[in-house]
N, C-alpha and C. Protein backbone atom coordinates (compact mmCIF):
# COMPACT_ATOMS: atom_id res chain seq x y z
N MET A 1 75.70 124.21 138.17
CA MET A 1 76.18 123.60 136.95
C MET A 1 76.96 122.34 137.32
N GLY A 2 76.60 121.24 136.73
CA GLY A 2 77.28 119.98 137.00
C GLY A 2 78.19 119.60 135.84
N VAL A 3 79.15 118.79 136.15
CA VAL A 3 80.08 118.30 135.12
C VAL A 3 79.88 116.80 135.00
N GLU A 4 79.64 116.36 133.81
CA GLU A 4 79.47 114.94 133.55
C GLU A 4 80.67 114.43 132.77
N THR A 5 81.23 113.36 133.21
CA THR A 5 82.36 112.76 132.52
C THR A 5 81.91 111.45 131.89
N GLU A 6 82.13 111.34 130.61
CA GLU A 6 81.81 110.09 129.92
C GLU A 6 83.08 109.27 129.80
N PRO A 7 83.02 108.00 130.16
CA PRO A 7 84.22 107.17 130.05
C PRO A 7 84.58 106.92 128.58
N ALA A 8 85.85 106.71 128.37
CA ALA A 8 86.30 106.41 127.01
C ALA A 8 85.73 105.07 126.57
N LYS A 9 85.49 104.93 125.30
CA LYS A 9 85.04 103.64 124.79
C LYS A 9 86.01 103.19 123.71
N TYR A 10 86.16 101.90 123.61
CA TYR A 10 87.08 101.29 122.66
C TYR A 10 86.28 100.40 121.72
N THR A 11 86.48 100.59 120.44
CA THR A 11 85.77 99.80 119.44
C THR A 11 86.73 98.80 118.81
N TYR A 12 86.39 97.53 118.95
CA TYR A 12 87.17 96.45 118.35
C TYR A 12 86.46 96.03 117.08
N THR A 13 87.21 95.83 115.99
CA THR A 13 86.62 95.46 114.70
C THR A 13 87.28 94.18 114.19
N CYS A 14 86.46 93.20 113.85
CA CYS A 14 86.96 91.95 113.28
C CYS A 14 87.60 92.25 111.93
N ASP A 15 88.80 91.71 111.71
CA ASP A 15 89.52 91.96 110.46
C ASP A 15 88.97 91.15 109.28
N VAL A 16 88.03 90.25 109.54
CA VAL A 16 87.45 89.45 108.46
C VAL A 16 86.08 89.99 108.06
N CYS A 17 85.16 90.08 109.01
CA CYS A 17 83.78 90.45 108.68
C CYS A 17 83.40 91.88 109.10
N ASN A 18 84.31 92.60 109.73
CA ASN A 18 84.09 93.97 110.18
C ASN A 18 83.04 94.11 111.29
N ARG A 19 82.72 93.02 111.98
CA ARG A 19 81.83 93.09 113.14
C ARG A 19 82.50 93.95 114.19
N GLN A 20 81.73 94.77 114.88
CA GLN A 20 82.31 95.65 115.89
C GLN A 20 81.81 95.31 117.28
N HIS A 21 82.69 95.53 118.25
CA HIS A 21 82.36 95.34 119.66
C HIS A 21 82.86 96.58 120.40
N VAL A 22 81.98 97.22 121.14
CA VAL A 22 82.35 98.41 121.90
C VAL A 22 82.54 98.02 123.35
N SER A 23 83.65 98.48 123.93
CA SER A 23 83.99 98.13 125.30
C SER A 23 84.51 99.36 126.04
N LEU A 24 84.38 99.35 127.35
CA LEU A 24 84.95 100.41 128.17
C LEU A 24 86.37 100.09 128.59
N SER A 25 86.83 98.87 128.25
CA SER A 25 88.17 98.44 128.64
C SER A 25 89.04 98.25 127.40
N HIS A 26 90.26 98.70 127.48
CA HIS A 26 91.20 98.50 126.38
C HIS A 26 92.27 97.47 126.75
N ILE A 27 92.11 96.84 127.89
CA ILE A 27 93.12 95.94 128.41
C ILE A 27 93.20 94.63 127.63
N SER A 28 92.10 94.09 127.20
CA SER A 28 92.15 92.82 126.48
C SER A 28 91.11 92.83 125.36
N ARG A 29 91.18 91.79 124.55
CA ARG A 29 90.23 91.65 123.45
C ARG A 29 88.85 91.30 124.01
N PRO A 30 87.79 91.46 123.21
CA PRO A 30 86.45 91.08 123.67
C PRO A 30 86.39 89.57 123.96
N GLN A 31 85.49 89.21 124.85
CA GLN A 31 85.34 87.81 125.23
C GLN A 31 84.99 86.95 124.01
N HIS A 32 85.63 85.81 123.88
CA HIS A 32 85.44 84.84 122.80
C HIS A 32 85.98 85.32 121.46
N TRP A 33 86.69 86.42 121.42
CA TRP A 33 87.38 86.86 120.21
C TRP A 33 88.82 86.35 120.32
N ALA A 34 89.56 86.35 119.23
CA ALA A 34 90.92 85.82 119.25
C ALA A 34 91.83 86.63 118.34
N TRP A 35 93.12 86.60 118.68
CA TRP A 35 94.15 87.16 117.81
C TRP A 35 94.78 86.03 117.02
N LEU A 36 94.88 86.20 115.70
CA LEU A 36 95.66 85.31 114.86
C LEU A 36 96.98 86.04 114.61
N ILE A 37 98.07 85.45 115.08
CA ILE A 37 99.37 86.12 114.99
C ILE A 37 100.35 85.22 114.25
N VAL A 38 100.96 85.77 113.21
CA VAL A 38 102.04 85.10 112.49
C VAL A 38 103.27 85.97 112.69
N GLU A 39 104.22 85.45 113.46
CA GLU A 39 105.43 86.22 113.75
C GLU A 39 106.52 85.85 112.75
N ARG A 40 107.12 86.87 112.17
CA ARG A 40 108.23 86.65 111.26
C ARG A 40 109.01 87.95 111.12
N GLY A 41 110.22 87.81 110.69
CA GLY A 41 111.06 88.98 110.44
C GLY A 41 111.29 89.12 108.95
N LEU A 42 111.40 90.34 108.50
CA LEU A 42 111.74 90.59 107.11
C LEU A 42 113.24 90.78 107.01
N GLU A 43 113.85 90.13 106.03
CA GLU A 43 115.30 90.15 105.90
C GLU A 43 115.75 90.88 104.65
N ASP A 44 116.94 91.45 104.73
CA ASP A 44 117.52 92.09 103.54
C ASP A 44 118.23 91.05 102.69
N TYR A 45 118.89 91.47 101.64
CA TYR A 45 119.51 90.52 100.71
C TYR A 45 120.66 89.74 101.33
N GLN A 46 121.18 90.18 102.49
CA GLN A 46 122.26 89.46 103.15
C GLN A 46 121.74 88.54 104.26
N GLY A 47 120.43 88.50 104.43
CA GLY A 47 119.84 87.62 105.43
C GLY A 47 119.72 88.23 106.81
N GLN A 48 119.98 89.53 106.92
CA GLN A 48 119.85 90.21 108.21
C GLN A 48 118.41 90.70 108.40
N GLU A 49 117.87 90.45 109.59
CA GLU A 49 116.51 90.90 109.86
C GLU A 49 116.50 92.43 109.96
N VAL A 50 115.65 93.05 109.15
CA VAL A 50 115.62 94.52 109.10
C VAL A 50 114.28 95.10 109.54
N ALA A 51 113.25 94.28 109.61
CA ALA A 51 111.94 94.80 109.99
C ALA A 51 111.08 93.68 110.53
N ASP A 52 110.05 94.07 111.25
CA ASP A 52 109.08 93.11 111.76
C ASP A 52 108.03 92.88 110.68
N GLY A 53 107.93 91.67 110.20
CA GLY A 53 106.95 91.35 109.17
C GLY A 53 105.76 90.58 109.72
N SER A 54 105.55 90.71 111.02
CA SER A 54 104.48 89.95 111.67
C SER A 54 103.11 90.41 111.19
N MET A 55 102.17 89.48 111.26
CA MET A 55 100.78 89.75 110.88
C MET A 55 99.90 89.50 112.10
N ARG A 56 99.04 90.45 112.42
CA ARG A 56 98.10 90.30 113.53
C ARG A 56 96.70 90.58 113.01
N LYS A 57 95.81 89.63 113.20
CA LYS A 57 94.41 89.78 112.79
C LYS A 57 93.52 89.53 113.99
N LEU A 58 92.57 90.41 114.23
CA LEU A 58 91.59 90.24 115.30
C LEU A 58 90.37 89.56 114.71
N LEU A 59 89.97 88.44 115.32
CA LEU A 59 88.87 87.64 114.78
C LEU A 59 87.73 87.58 115.78
N CYS A 60 86.51 87.80 115.31
CA CYS A 60 85.34 87.73 116.18
C CYS A 60 84.99 86.27 116.48
N HIS A 61 84.02 86.08 117.34
CA HIS A 61 83.63 84.73 117.75
C HIS A 61 83.03 83.91 116.62
N SER A 62 82.54 84.56 115.57
CA SER A 62 81.99 83.82 114.41
C SER A 62 83.07 83.42 113.42
N CYS A 63 84.04 84.31 113.19
CA CYS A 63 85.07 84.05 112.19
C CYS A 63 86.20 83.17 112.72
N MET A 64 86.48 83.25 114.01
CA MET A 64 87.62 82.55 114.59
C MET A 64 87.59 81.04 114.33
N PRO A 65 86.48 80.32 114.58
CA PRO A 65 86.51 78.87 114.32
C PRO A 65 86.66 78.54 112.84
N LYS A 66 86.12 79.38 111.97
CA LYS A 66 86.24 79.12 110.53
C LYS A 66 87.69 79.29 110.08
N ILE A 67 88.34 80.35 110.55
CA ILE A 67 89.73 80.59 110.19
C ILE A 67 90.62 79.50 110.79
N ALA A 68 90.35 79.11 112.03
CA ALA A 68 91.14 78.05 112.67
C ALA A 68 91.02 76.74 111.88
N LYS A 69 89.82 76.44 111.41
CA LYS A 69 89.60 75.22 110.61
C LYS A 69 90.37 75.30 109.29
N MET A 70 90.38 76.49 108.67
CA MET A 70 91.10 76.67 107.41
C MET A 70 92.61 76.55 107.60
N VAL A 71 93.14 77.11 108.68
CA VAL A 71 94.57 77.03 108.95
C VAL A 71 94.96 75.58 109.20
N THR A 72 94.16 74.86 109.98
CA THR A 72 94.44 73.45 110.27
C THR A 72 94.41 72.62 108.98
N ALA A 73 93.42 72.85 108.13
CA ALA A 73 93.32 72.11 106.87
C ALA A 73 94.51 72.40 105.97
N ALA A 74 94.92 73.66 105.89
CA ALA A 74 96.06 74.03 105.04
C ALA A 74 97.34 73.39 105.56
N ALA A 75 97.52 73.37 106.88
CA ALA A 75 98.72 72.77 107.47
C ALA A 75 98.74 71.26 107.21
N GLU A 76 97.61 70.59 107.34
CA GLU A 76 97.55 69.15 107.08
C GLU A 76 97.81 68.84 105.62
N LYS A 77 97.29 69.67 104.71
CA LYS A 77 97.52 69.47 103.28
C LYS A 77 99.00 69.64 102.95
N LEU A 78 99.62 70.67 103.51
CA LEU A 78 101.05 70.89 103.27
C LEU A 78 101.88 69.75 103.85
N LYS A 79 101.49 69.28 105.01
CA LYS A 79 102.19 68.16 105.65
C LYS A 79 102.13 66.91 104.77
N ALA A 80 100.96 66.64 104.19
CA ALA A 80 100.79 65.48 103.30
C ALA A 80 101.62 65.64 102.03
N GLU A 81 101.64 66.85 101.46
CA GLU A 81 102.42 67.10 100.25
C GLU A 81 103.92 66.91 100.52
N LEU A 82 104.38 67.40 101.67
CA LEU A 82 105.80 67.24 102.02
C LEU A 82 106.15 65.78 102.27
N ALA A 83 105.23 65.01 102.81
CA ALA A 83 105.45 63.58 103.03
C ALA A 83 105.59 62.85 101.69
N LEU A 84 104.80 63.26 100.70
CA LEU A 84 104.90 62.64 99.36
C LEU A 84 106.23 62.97 98.73
N ILE A 85 106.68 64.19 98.86
CA ILE A 85 107.95 64.60 98.28
C ILE A 85 109.11 63.85 98.96
N LYS A 86 109.02 63.73 100.26
CA LYS A 86 110.05 63.05 101.04
C LYS A 86 110.12 61.56 100.71
N ALA A 87 108.96 60.98 100.36
CA ALA A 87 108.89 59.55 100.07
C ALA A 87 109.53 59.22 98.72
N LYS A 88 109.65 60.18 97.85
CA LYS A 88 110.22 59.93 96.50
C LYS A 88 111.70 59.71 96.54
């Protein structure tokens, strides 16, 4: 009687399109995938940080450039709006 051991597998799922990638390694994200991370703290009414309000999204190789383009466009639009307000 033989014993066969199957290695653990890790399934990564894109938070936008739900594409999945199965890997035998849990050490890092799949190749050409990216983490979108927004770090922030949640504060109580006195301004004291009480919780981690960070957002982490795993993006596949197809969604990552689209999201990056959207973030860049939104930042540029906000920058232009703030420049108009400052100019007044």
